[in-house]
C-alpha atoms as a PDB file:
ATOM      1  CA  MET A   1      65.845  53.556  -5.527  1.00  0.00           C
ATOM      2  CA  LYS A   2      69.317  54.890  -4.467  1.00  0.00           C
ATOM      3  CA  LYS A   3      72.359  53.442  -5.211  1.00  0.00           C
ATOM      4  CA  GLY A   4      73.606  52.348  -2.074  1.00  0.00           C
ATOM      5  CA  SER A   5      70.403  52.045  -0.354  1.00  0.00           C
ATOM      6  CA  ALA A   6      69.824  48.786   1.879  1.00  0.00           C
ATOM      7  CA  PHE A   7      68.024  47.303  -0.379  1.00  0.00           C
ATOM      8  CA  ASP A   8      69.749  47.386  -3.617  1.00  0.00           C
ATOM      9  CA  VAL A   9      72.687  45.945  -1.558  1.00  0.00           C
ATOM     10  CA  ARG A  10      71.526  43.100  -0.382  1.00  0.00           C
ATOM     11  CA  GLU A  11      70.013  42.566  -4.155  1.00  0.00           C
ATOM     12  CA  VAL A  12      73.311  43.240  -5.538  1.00  0.00           C
ATOM     13  CA  ALA A  13      75.362  41.095  -2.981  1.00  0.00           C
ATOM     14  CA  VAL A  14      73.831  37.958  -4.573  1.00  0.00           C
ATOM     15  CA  PHE A  15      74.703  39.056  -8.024  1.00  0.00           C
ATOM     16  CA  GLN A  16      78.518  39.801  -6.807  1.00  0.00           C
ATOM     17  CA  LYS A  17      78.454  35.992  -5.385  1.00  0.00           C
ATOM     18  CA  ASN A  18      77.388  34.349  -7.695  1.00  0.00           C
ATOM     19  CA  GLU A  19      80.051  36.563  -9.894  1.00  0.00           C
ATOM     20  CA  ILE A  20      82.657  35.475  -7.855  1.00  0.00           C
ATOM     21  CA  THR A  21      81.811  32.210  -7.675  1.00  0.00           C
ATOM     22  CA  GLU A  22      81.769  31.233 -10.931  1.00  0.00           C
ATOM     23  CA  TYR A  23      85.434  33.003 -11.654  1.00  0.00           C
ATOM     24  CA  HIS A  24      86.555  30.032  -9.087  1.00  0.00           C
ATOM     25  CA  ILE A  25      84.269  27.610 -11.058  1.00  0.00           C
ATOM     26  CA  TYR A  26      85.817  28.628 -14.786  1.00  0.00           C
ATOM     27  CA  LYS A  27      89.257  29.546 -13.494  1.00  0.00           C
ATOM     28  CA  ASN A  28      89.513  25.707 -11.999  1.00  0.00           C
ATOM     29  CA  LEU A  29      88.438  24.621 -14.862  1.00  0.00           C
ATOM     30  CA  SER A  30      90.767  26.027 -17.373  1.00  0.00           C
ATOM     31  CA  GLY A  31      94.065  24.464 -15.535  1.00  0.00           C
ATOM     32  CA  ARG A  32      92.401  21.204 -16.278  1.00  0.00           C
ATOM     33  CA  ILE A  33      91.042  21.216 -19.926  1.00  0.00           C
ATOM     34  CA  ARG A  34      92.615  19.969 -22.929  1.00  0.00           C
ATOM     35  CA  GLY A  35      93.761  22.206 -25.714  1.00  0.00           C
ATOM     36  CA  VAL A  36      95.183  25.540 -25.988  1.00  0.00           C
ATOM     37  CA  LYS A  37      91.731  27.515 -27.202  1.00  0.00           C
ATOM     38  CA  ASN A  38      90.079  26.000 -25.046  1.00  0.00           C
ATOM     39  CA  ARG A  39      91.378  27.472 -22.132  1.00  0.00           C
ATOM     40  CA  ARG A  40      92.603  31.107 -23.185  1.00  0.00           C
ATOM     41  CA  ILE A  41      88.826  31.211 -23.395  1.00  0.00           C
ATOM     42  CA  PHE A  42      88.037  29.386 -20.703  1.00  0.00           C
ATOM     43  CA  SER A  43      90.343  32.418 -18.876  1.00  0.00           C
ATOM     44  CA  GLN A  44      88.770  34.853 -20.670  1.00  0.00           C
ATOM     45  CA  ILE A  45      85.753  34.605 -18.968  1.00  0.00           C
ATOM     46  CA  ALA A  46      87.049  34.354 -15.732  1.00  0.00           C
ATOM     47  CA  ASP A  47      88.564  37.133 -16.171  1.00  0.00           C
ATOM     48  CA  ASP A  48      84.608  38.527 -16.875  1.00  0.00           C
ATOM     49  CA  GLU A  49      83.139  37.226 -14.253  1.00  0.00           C
ATOM     50  CA  MET A  50      86.076  38.926 -12.005  1.00  0.00           C
ATOM     51  CA  ARG A  51      85.202  42.183 -13.432  1.00  0.00           C
ATOM     52  CA  HIS A  52      81.902  41.909 -12.944  1.00  0.00           C
ATOM     53  CA  TYR A  53      82.486  40.886  -9.201  1.00  0.00           C
ATOM     54  CA  ASN A  54      84.444  44.607  -9.132  1.00  0.00           C
ATOM     55  CA  VAL A  55      81.814  46.188 -10.848  1.00  0.00           C
ATOM     56  CA  TRP A  56      78.889  44.913  -8.407  1.00  0.00           C
ATOM     57  CA  LYS A  57      81.332  45.863  -5.221  1.00  0.00           C
ATOM     58  CA  THR A  58      81.491  49.695  -6.366  1.00  0.00           C
ATOM     59  CA  TYR A  59      77.732  49.045  -5.167  1.00  0.00           C
ATOM     60  CA  THR A  60      77.943  46.871  -2.164  1.00  0.00           C
ATOM     61  CA  ARG A  61      81.048  48.393  -0.980  1.00  0.00           C
ATOM     62  CA  GLN A  62      82.284  45.370   0.459  1.00  0.00           C
ATOM     63  CA  ASP A  63      84.445  41.737  -0.429  1.00  0.00           C
ATOM     64  CA  ILE A  64      81.944  38.490  -0.570  1.00  0.00           C
ATOM     65  CA  GLY A  65      83.343  35.470  -0.667  1.00  0.00           C
ATOM     66  CA  PRO A  66      82.399  32.463  -3.356  1.00  0.00           C
ATOM     67  CA  ASN A  67      79.811  29.462  -2.695  1.00  0.00           C
ATOM     68  CA  ARG A  68      82.200  27.610  -1.991  1.00  0.00           C
ATOM     69  CA  ILE A  69      80.059  24.153  -2.487  1.00  0.00           C
ATOM     70  CA  LYS A  70      78.750  25.318  -5.536  1.00  0.00           C
ATOM     71  CA  VAL A  71      82.490  25.547  -6.953  1.00  0.00           C
ATOM     72  CA  TRP A  72      83.358  22.168  -5.490  1.00  0.00           C
ATOM     73  CA  PHE A  73      80.357  20.652  -6.830  1.00  0.00           C
ATOM     74  CA  PHE A  74      80.086  22.123 -10.917  1.00  0.00           C
ATOM     75  CA  THR A  75      84.219  21.285 -11.017  1.00  0.00           C
ATOM     76  CA  VAL A  76      83.383  17.527  -9.675  1.00  0.00           C
ATOM     77  CA  ILE A  77      80.375  17.578 -11.812  1.00  0.00           C
ATOM     78  CA  SER A  78      82.523  18.945 -15.442  1.00  0.00           C
ATOM     79  CA  MET A  79      85.369  16.260 -14.387  1.00  0.00           C
ATOM     80  CA  VAL A  80      83.467  13.643 -14.071  1.00  0.00           C
ATOM     81  CA  PHE A  81      80.523  13.861 -17.045  1.00  0.00           C
ATOM     82  CA  GLY A  82      82.484  16.549 -18.958  1.00  0.00           C
ATOM     83  CA  PHE A  83      82.932  20.334 -18.555  1.00  0.00           C
ATOM     84  CA  THR A  84      80.554  20.366 -22.182  1.00  0.00           C
ATOM     85  CA  PHE A  85      77.747  19.549 -19.680  1.00  0.00           C
ATOM     86  CA  GLY A  86      78.871  20.782 -16.388  1.00  0.00           C
ATOM     87  CA  ILE A  87      79.317  24.080 -18.224  1.00  0.00           C
ATOM     88  CA  LYS A  88      75.725  24.518 -19.745  1.00  0.00           C
ATOM     89  CA  LEU A  89      74.406  23.280 -16.692  1.00  0.00           C
ATOM     90  CA  MET A  90      75.490  26.122 -14.890  1.00  0.00           C
ATOM     91  CA  GLU A  91      74.942  28.195 -17.422  1.00  0.00           C
ATOM     92  CA  ASN A  92      71.322  26.923 -17.211  1.00  0.00           C
ATOM     93  CA  GLY A  93      71.047  28.464 -13.591  1.00  0.00           C
ATOM     94  CA  GLU A  94      72.134  31.910 -15.364  1.00  0.00           C
ATOM     95  CA  LYS A  95      69.279  32.348 -16.949  1.00  0.00           C
ATOM     96  CA  ARG A  96      67.084  33.702 -14.154  1.00  0.00           C
ATOM     97  CA  ALA A  97      70.119  35.922 -13.359  1.00  0.00           C
ATOM     98  CA  HIS A  98      69.319  37.516 -16.680  1.00  0.00           C
ATOM     99  CA  TYR A  99      65.590  38.044 -15.541  1.00  0.00           C
ATOM    100  CA  LEU A 100      66.602  39.910 -12.352  1.00  0.00           C
ATOM    101  CA  TYR A 101      69.288  41.818 -13.923  1.00  0.00           C
ATOM    102  CA  SER A 102      66.798  43.348 -16.687  1.00  0.00           C
ATOM    103  CA  ARG A 103      64.309  44.251 -13.362  1.00  0.00           C
ATOM    104  CA  MET A 104      66.903  46.407 -12.305  1.00  0.00           C
ATOM    105  CA  PRO A 105      66.990  50.081 -11.970  1.00  0.00           C
ATOM    106  CA  GLY A 106      68.269  51.949 -14.695  1.00  0.00           C
ATOM    107  CA  SER A 107      70.504  53.781 -12.346  1.00  0.00           C
ATOM    108  CA  PHE A 108      72.637  50.372 -12.537  1.00  0.00           C
ATOM    109  CA  LYS A 109      74.375  51.414 -16.059  1.00  0.00           C
ATOM    110  CA  GLU A 110      76.812  48.703 -16.297  1.00  0.00           C
ATOM    111  CA  ILE A 111      74.025  46.230 -16.525  1.00  0.00           C
ATOM    112  CA  ASN A 112      73.394  46.569 -20.208  1.00  0.00           C
ATOM    113  CA  GLY A 113      77.846  45.403 -20.234  1.00  0.00           C
ATOM    114  CA  ILE A 114      77.621  42.318 -18.093  1.00  0.00           C
ATOM    115  CA  ILE A 115      74.415  40.861 -20.005  1.00  0.00           C
ATOM    116  CA  ARG A 116      76.214  41.292 -23.103  1.00  0.00           C
ATOM    117  CA  ASP A 117      79.308  39.309 -21.588  1.00  0.00           C
ATOM    118  CA  GLU A 118      76.591  37.005 -20.721  1.00  0.00           C
ATOM    119  CA  GLU A 119      75.183  36.068 -23.799  1.00  0.00           C
ATOM    120  CA  GLU A 120      79.439  36.297 -25.238  1.00  0.00           C
ATOM    121  CA  HIS A 121      79.844  33.248 -23.151  1.00  0.00           C
ATOM    122  CA  GLU A 122      77.387  31.506 -24.144  1.00  0.00           C
ATOM    123  CA  GLN A 123      78.358  31.553 -27.916  1.00  0.00           C
ATOM    124  CA  ALA A 124      82.406  30.786 -26.923  1.00  0.00           C
ATOM    125  CA  LEU A 125      80.600  27.761 -25.154  1.00  0.00           C
ATOM    126  CA  LEU A 126      78.918  26.264 -28.212  1.00  0.00           C
ATOM    127  CA  MET A 127      82.225  26.438 -29.999  1.00  0.00           C
ATOM    128  CA  LEU A 128      84.047  24.461 -27.254  1.00  0.00           C
ATOM    129  CA  LEU A 129      81.548  21.380 -28.375  1.00  0.00           C
ATOM    130  CA  ASP A 130      84.655  18.940 -29.596  1.00  0.00           C
ATOM    131  CA  GLU A 131      85.075  17.040 -26.712  1.00  0.00           C
ATOM    132  CA  VAL A 132      85.634  13.148 -26.976  1.00  0.00           C
ATOM    133  CA  ARG A 133      82.394  11.854 -25.051  1.00  0.00           C
ATOM    134  CA  LEU A 134      80.518  13.718 -27.171  1.00  0.00           C
ATOM    135  CA  GLN A 135      81.699  13.252 -30.481  1.00  0.00           C
ATOM    136  CA  TYR A 136      80.352   9.933 -29.422  1.00  0.00           C
ATOM    137  CA  THR A 137      76.559  10.347 -27.915  1.00  0.00           C
ATOM    138  CA  GLY A 138      75.779   8.333 -30.400  1.00  0.00           C
ATOM    139  CA  SER A 139      77.380   5.487 -29.984  1.00  0.00           C
ATOM    140  CA  MET A 140      76.312   5.298 -26.205  1.00  0.00           C
ATOM    141  CA  VAL A 141      73.121   5.875 -27.214  1.00  0.00           C
ATOM    142  CA  LEU A 142      73.417   2.322 -29.482  1.00  0.00           C
ATOM    143  CA  GLY A 143      74.670   0.398 -26.548  1.00  0.00           C
ATOM    144  CA  LEU A 144      71.713   2.134 -23.677  1.00  0.00           C
ATOM    145  CA  ASN A 145      69.142   1.900 -25.859  1.00  0.00           C
ATOM    146  CA  ASP A 146      69.970  -1.799 -27.124  1.00  0.00           C
ATOM    147  CA  ALA A 147      70.656  -2.972 -24.162  1.00  0.00           C
ATOM    148  CA  LEU A 148      67.531  -1.497 -22.702  1.00  0.00           C
ATOM    149  CA  VAL A 149      64.869  -3.053 -24.892  1.00  0.00           C
ATOM    150  CA  GLU A 150      66.552  -5.952 -25.051  1.00  0.00           C
ATOM    151  CA  LEU A 151      67.154  -6.548 -22.086  1.00  0.00           C
ATOM    152  CA  MET A 152      64.197  -5.784 -20.642  1.00  0.00           C
ATOM    153  CA  GLY A 153      62.354  -8.472 -22.921  1.00  0.00           C
ATOM    154  CA  VAL A 154      64.744 -10.976 -22.240  1.00  0.00           C
ATOM    155  CA  LEU A 155      64.288 -10.425 -18.235  1.00  0.00           C
ATOM    156  CA  ALA A 156      60.542 -10.320 -18.890  1.00  0.00           C
ATOM    157  CA  GLY A 157      60.256 -13.573 -20.743  1.00  0.00           C
ATOM    158  CA  LEU A 158      62.786 -14.922 -18.539  1.00  0.00           C
ATOM    159  CA  SER A 159      60.626 -13.758 -15.368  1.00  0.00           C
ATOM    160  CA  PHE A 160      57.500 -16.493 -16.514  1.00  0.00           C
ATOM    161  CA  ALA A 161      59.894 -18.592 -18.686  1.00  0.00           C
ATOM    162  CA  LEU A 162      61.926 -19.828 -15.413  1.00  0.00           C
ATOM    163  CA  SER A 163      60.977 -19.815 -11.881  1.00  0.00           C
ATOM    164  CA  ASN A 164      64.445 -18.879  -9.719  1.00  0.00           C
ATOM    165  CA  THR A 165      65.233 -15.657  -9.506  1.00  0.00           C
ATOM    166  CA  ARG A 166      69.029 -16.700  -9.776  1.00  0.00           C
ATOM    167  CA  PHE A 167      68.880 -18.013 -12.772  1.00  0.00           C
ATOM    168  CA  VAL A 168      67.116 -15.232 -14.382  1.00  0.00           C
ATOM    169  CA  ALA A 169      70.142 -13.549 -13.638  1.00  0.00           C
ATOM    170  CA  LEU A 170      72.378 -16.282 -14.913  1.00  0.00           C
ATOM    171  CA  THR A 171      70.747 -16.465 -18.167  1.00  0.00           C
ATOM    172  CA  ALA A 172      70.452 -12.525 -18.297  1.00  0.00           C
ATOM    173  CA  SER A 173      73.755 -12.360 -17.714  1.00  0.00           C
ATOM    174  CA  ILE A 174      74.835 -14.683 -20.147  1.00  0.00           C
ATOM    175  CA  THR A 175      72.683 -12.993 -23.054  1.00  0.00           C
ATOM    176  CA  GLY A 176      73.589  -9.927 -21.742  1.00  0.00           C
ATOM    177  CA  ILE A 177      77.385  -9.834 -21.635  1.00  0.00           C
ATOM    178  CA  ALA A 178      77.331 -12.107 -25.174  1.00  0.00           C
ATOM    179  CA  ALA A 179      74.942  -9.031 -27.193  1.00  0.00           C
ATOM    180  CA  ALA A 180      77.179  -6.507 -24.912  1.00  0.00           C
ATOM    181  CA  LEU A 181      79.922  -7.567 -27.277  1.00  0.00           C
ATOM    182  CA  SER A 182      78.495  -8.108 -29.748  1.00  0.00           C
ATOM    183  CA  MET A 183      77.444  -4.581 -30.871  1.00  0.00           C
ATOM    184  CA  ALA A 184      80.799  -3.423 -29.657  1.00  0.00           C
ATOM    185  CA  ALA A 185      82.153  -5.604 -32.996  1.00  0.00           C
ATOM    186  CA  SER A 186      78.994  -4.062 -34.896  1.00  0.00           C
ATOM    187  CA  SER A 187      80.014  -0.396 -33.627  1.00  0.00           C
ATOM    188  CA  TYR A 188      83.054  -0.774 -34.552  1.00  0.00           C
ATOM    189  CA  LEU A 189      82.497  -1.733 -38.162  1.00  0.00           C
ATOM    190  CA  ALA A 190      79.795   0.506 -38.609  1.00  0.00           C
ATOM    191  CA  THR A 191      82.318   3.252 -37.340  1.00  0.00           C
ATOM    192  CA  LYS A 192      85.044   2.140 -39.727  1.00  0.00           C
ATOM    193  CA  SER A 193      83.209   2.703 -42.739  1.00  0.00           C
ATOM    194  CA  ASP A 194      82.068   5.597 -42.124  1.00  0.00           C
ATOM    195  CA  PRO A 195      84.091   9.005 -43.278  1.00  0.00           C
ATOM    196  CA  THR A 196      83.599  10.970 -40.266  1.00  0.00           C
ATOM    197  CA  GLY A 197      86.994  10.207 -38.837  1.00  0.00           C
ATOM    198  CA  LYS A 198      85.811   8.740 -35.710  1.00  0.00           C
ATOM    199  CA  SER A 199      87.890   6.325 -33.864  1.00  0.00           C
ATOM    200  CA  PRO A 200      86.243   2.719 -34.583  1.00  0.00           C
ATOM    201  CA  PHE A 201      87.891   1.342 -31.021  1.00  0.00           C
ATOM    202  CA  ILE A 202      86.717   4.203 -29.232  1.00  0.00           C
ATOM    203  CA  ALA A 203      83.307   4.308 -30.358  1.00  0.00           C
ATOM    204  CA  ALA A 204      83.506   0.350 -30.037  1.00  0.00           C
ATOM    205  CA  LEU A 205      83.878   1.185 -26.351  1.00  0.00           C
ATOM    206  CA  TYR A 206      81.492   3.216 -25.251  1.00  0.00           C
ATOM    207  CA  THR A 207      78.183   1.308 -27.122  1.00  0.00           C
ATOM    208  CA  GLY A 208      79.924  -1.968 -25.296  1.00  0.00           C
ATOM    209  CA  MET A 209      80.356  -0.295 -21.823  1.00  0.00           C
ATOM    210  CA  ALA A 210      77.227   1.602 -22.220  1.00  0.00           C
ATOM    211  CA  TYR A 211      75.570  -2.037 -22.656  1.00  0.00           C
ATOM    212  CA  LEU A 212      77.723  -3.757 -20.297  1.00  0.00           C
ATOM    213  CA  VAL A 213      77.017  -1.664 -17.324  1.00  0.00           C
ATOM    214  CA  THR A 214      72.938  -1.234 -18.250  1.00  0.00           C
ATOM    215  CA  VAL A 215      72.753  -5.311 -18.288  1.00  0.00           C
ATOM    216  CA  LEU A 216      74.856  -5.402 -14.770  1.00  0.00           C
ATOM    217  CA  LEU A 217      72.032  -2.435 -13.565  1.00  0.00           C
ATOM    218  CA  LEU A 218      69.372  -4.573 -14.708  1.00  0.00           C
ATOM    219  CA  ILE A 219      70.345  -7.882 -13.346  1.00  0.00           C
ATOM    220  CA  THR A 220      71.244  -6.759  -9.708  1.00  0.00           C
ATOM    221  CA  PRO A 221      67.091  -6.981  -8.760  1.00  0.00           C
ATOM    222  CA  TYR A 222      67.682  -9.927  -9.273  1.00  0.00           C
ATOM    223  CA  LEU A 223      70.141 -10.923  -7.283  1.00  0.00           C
ATOM    224  CA  ILE A 224      68.823  -8.836  -4.204  1.00  0.00           C
ATOM    225  CA  PHE A 225      65.628 -10.536  -4.407  1.00  0.00           C
ATOM    226  CA  ASN A 226      64.044 -13.451  -4.151  1.00  0.00           C
ATOM    227  CA  ASN A 227      60.534 -13.106  -5.407  1.00  0.00           C
ATOM    228  CA  LEU A 228      60.301 -13.038 -10.042  1.00  0.00           C
ATOM    229  CA  TYR A 229      57.427 -10.036  -9.800  1.00  0.00           C
ATOM    230  CA  ILE A 230      59.552  -7.739  -7.481  1.00  0.00           C
ATOM    231  CA  SER A 231      62.410  -8.730  -8.690  1.00  0.00           C
ATOM    232  CA  LEU A 232      60.843  -7.525 -12.174  1.00  0.00           C
ATOM    233  CA  PHE A 233      59.455  -4.385 -11.603  1.00  0.00           C
ATOM    234  CA  ALA A 234      62.170  -3.249  -9.583  1.00  0.00           C
ATOM    235  CA  SER A 235      64.435  -3.532 -12.773  1.00  0.00           C
ATOM    236  CA  PHE A 236      61.380  -1.223 -14.697  1.00  0.00           C
ATOM    237  CA  VAL A 237      62.309   1.195 -11.628  1.00  0.00           C
ATOM    238  CA  VAL A 238      66.673   0.611 -12.679  1.00  0.00           C
ATOM    239  CA  ALA A 239      65.688   1.423 -16.048  1.00  0.00           C
ATOM    240  CA  VAL A 240      63.258   4.393 -15.574  1.00  0.00           C
ATOM    241  CA  ILE A 241      66.063   5.931 -13.971  1.00  0.00           C
ATOM    242  CA  ILE A 242      68.926   5.049 -16.349  1.00  0.00           C
ATOM    243  CA  ILE A 243      66.694   6.518 -19.463  1.00  0.00           C
ATOM    244  CA  GLY A 244      65.539   9.757 -16.853  1.00  0.00           C
ATOM    245  CA  LEU A 245      69.252  10.295 -16.545  1.00  0.00           C
ATOM    246  CA  PHE A 246      70.826   9.716 -19.517  1.00  0.00           C
ATOM    247  CA  ASN A 247      68.058  11.807 -21.655  1.00  0.00           C
ATOM    248  CA  TYR A 248      68.899  14.592 -19.062  1.00  0.00           C
ATOM    249  CA  TYR A 249      72.541  14.370 -19.738  1.00  0.00           C
ATOM    250  CA  ILE A 250      71.906  14.441 -23.490  1.00  0.00           C
ATOM    251  CA  SER A 251      69.216  17.143 -22.952  1.00  0.00           C
ATOM    252  CA  VAL A 252      71.809  19.301 -21.375  1.00  0.00           C
ATOM    253  CA  ALA A 253      74.854  18.555 -23.963  1.00  0.00           C
ATOM    254  CA  ARG A 254      73.743  18.972 -26.811  1.00  0.00           C
ATOM    255  CA  ASN A 255      70.649  21.243 -25.575  1.00  0.00           C
ATOM    256  CA  LEU A 256      67.650  19.144 -26.614  1.00  0.00           C
ATOM    257  CA  PRO A 257      64.469  18.430 -26.267  1.00  0.00           C
ATOM    258  CA  PHE A 258      64.032  15.531 -22.484  1.00  0.00           C
ATOM    259  CA  LYS A 259      60.915  15.206 -22.947  1.00  0.00           C
ATOM    260  CA  SER A 260      60.089  13.752 -26.142  1.00  0.00           C
ATOM    261  CA  ARG A 261      62.858  11.245 -25.964  1.00  0.00           C
ATOM    262  CA  PHE A 262      62.663  10.459 -22.565  1.00  0.00           C
ATOM    263  CA  LEU A 263      59.204   9.087 -23.523  1.00  0.00           C
ATOM    264  CA  GLU A 264      59.910   7.767 -26.827  1.00  0.00           C
ATOM    265  CA  MET A 265      62.743   5.399 -25.098  1.00  0.00           C
ATOM    266  CA  VAL A 266      60.233   4.204 -22.370  1.00  0.00           C
ATOM    267  CA  GLY A 267      57.478   3.790 -23.878  1.00  0.00           C
ATOM    268  CA  LEU A 268      59.616   1.782 -26.789  1.00  0.00           C
ATOM    269  CA  SER A 269      61.725  -0.353 -23.629  1.00  0.00           C
ATOM    270  CA  PHE A 270      58.105  -1.330 -21.652  1.00  0.00           C
ATOM    271  CA  THR A 271      56.128  -2.177 -24.909  1.00  0.00           C
ATOM    272  CA  VAL A 272      59.468  -4.602 -26.009  1.00  0.00           C
ATOM    273  CA  ALA A 273      59.367  -5.793 -22.292  1.00  0.00           C
ATOM    274  CA  ALA A 274      55.237  -6.366 -22.049  1.00  0.00           C
ATOM    275  CA  LEU A 275      55.728  -8.461 -24.980  1.00  0.00           C
ATOM    276  CA  SER A 276      58.758 -11.158 -24.029  1.00  0.00           C
ATOM    277  CA  PHE A 277      56.702 -10.854 -20.716  1.00  0.00           C
ATOM    278  CA  LEU A 278      53.388 -12.289 -23.128  1.00  0.00           C
ATOM    279  CA  ALA A 279      55.869 -14.463 -25.518  1.00  0.00           C
ATOM    280  CA  GLY A 280      57.687 -16.063 -22.023  1.00  0.00           C
ATOM    281  CA  TYR A 281      54.211 -17.289 -20.266  1.00  0.00           C
ATOM    282  CA  ALA A 282      52.731 -18.848 -23.916  1.00  0.00           C
ATOM    283  CA  ILE A 283      56.587 -20.541 -24.232  1.00  0.00           C
ATOM    284  CA  ARG A 284      56.275 -22.195 -20.643  1.00  0.00           C
ATOM    285  CA  PHE A 285      52.315 -22.939 -20.953  1.00  0.00           C
ATOM    286  CA  ALA A 286      52.980 -24.795 -25.078  1.00  0.00           C
ATOM    287  CA  PHE A 287      55.804 -26.684 -23.035  1.00  0.00           C
ATOM    288  CA  GLY A 288      54.826 -26.950 -19.706  1.00  0.00           C
ATOM    289  CA  ILE A 289      58.403 -26.401 -18.455  1.00  0.00           C
ATOM    290  CA  VAL A 290      59.722 -25.172 -14.779  1.00  0.00           C
ATOM    291  CA  ILE A 291      62.462 -24.713 -13.666  1.00  0.00           C
END
């Protein structure tokens, strides 16, 4: 293929647009990230993206604007869920760009340099994994997992032991709030005796909040529907969504496998719920109590 052919221009224009888009994303985040080192690395990556943009521009001979929606999306995602998650999510999308680069004709001599820069970006980003919320991932897992397992069991048991969705929601709320405070206290004491240097207060906050938010989400169906079994089924669906979203977040931010962790948490939560469901039925039958 000849430099400047119609096919080349269309292909290269896509790469050029990607580079200027990522330049704006990194530039935006460089002004929002804490720490001089982090800002310097992001600024350097932004400068590299601009240099790549100018390389592709020599082939297209035109100025191309960024994808404003993508810039906005990854900036917001990074600010809400953490820059590590946001950037790694974006970098995962660059794997296809690496593959497309490798298929470009040999006349594009600058491609090897661009690929090398992209690999260096990933290495530099690994050095940024000092974000507070990722340091306390274990605390979030503790609160989330315990809430899912325990409260799904409570809801399943109460759904057969009681006959009113409001009674189930009230009882589960009291149980959940008490358990959230208990888990937060346990996390505080466990972290205080841990030599890693983490803040016991922050660890307790993450654990308690993860537990409490999960409780509120799981009991919501019982406040919306009047049928116990529809409410229980809806809570199961909510639980699966929570497990999926959280494990996706961890898998991206920590480079951990998603499927195995997701299936393990779903299996554990539903097993406990099924056993509690049977226990609730047995207790209701044994005592002959209908509330």
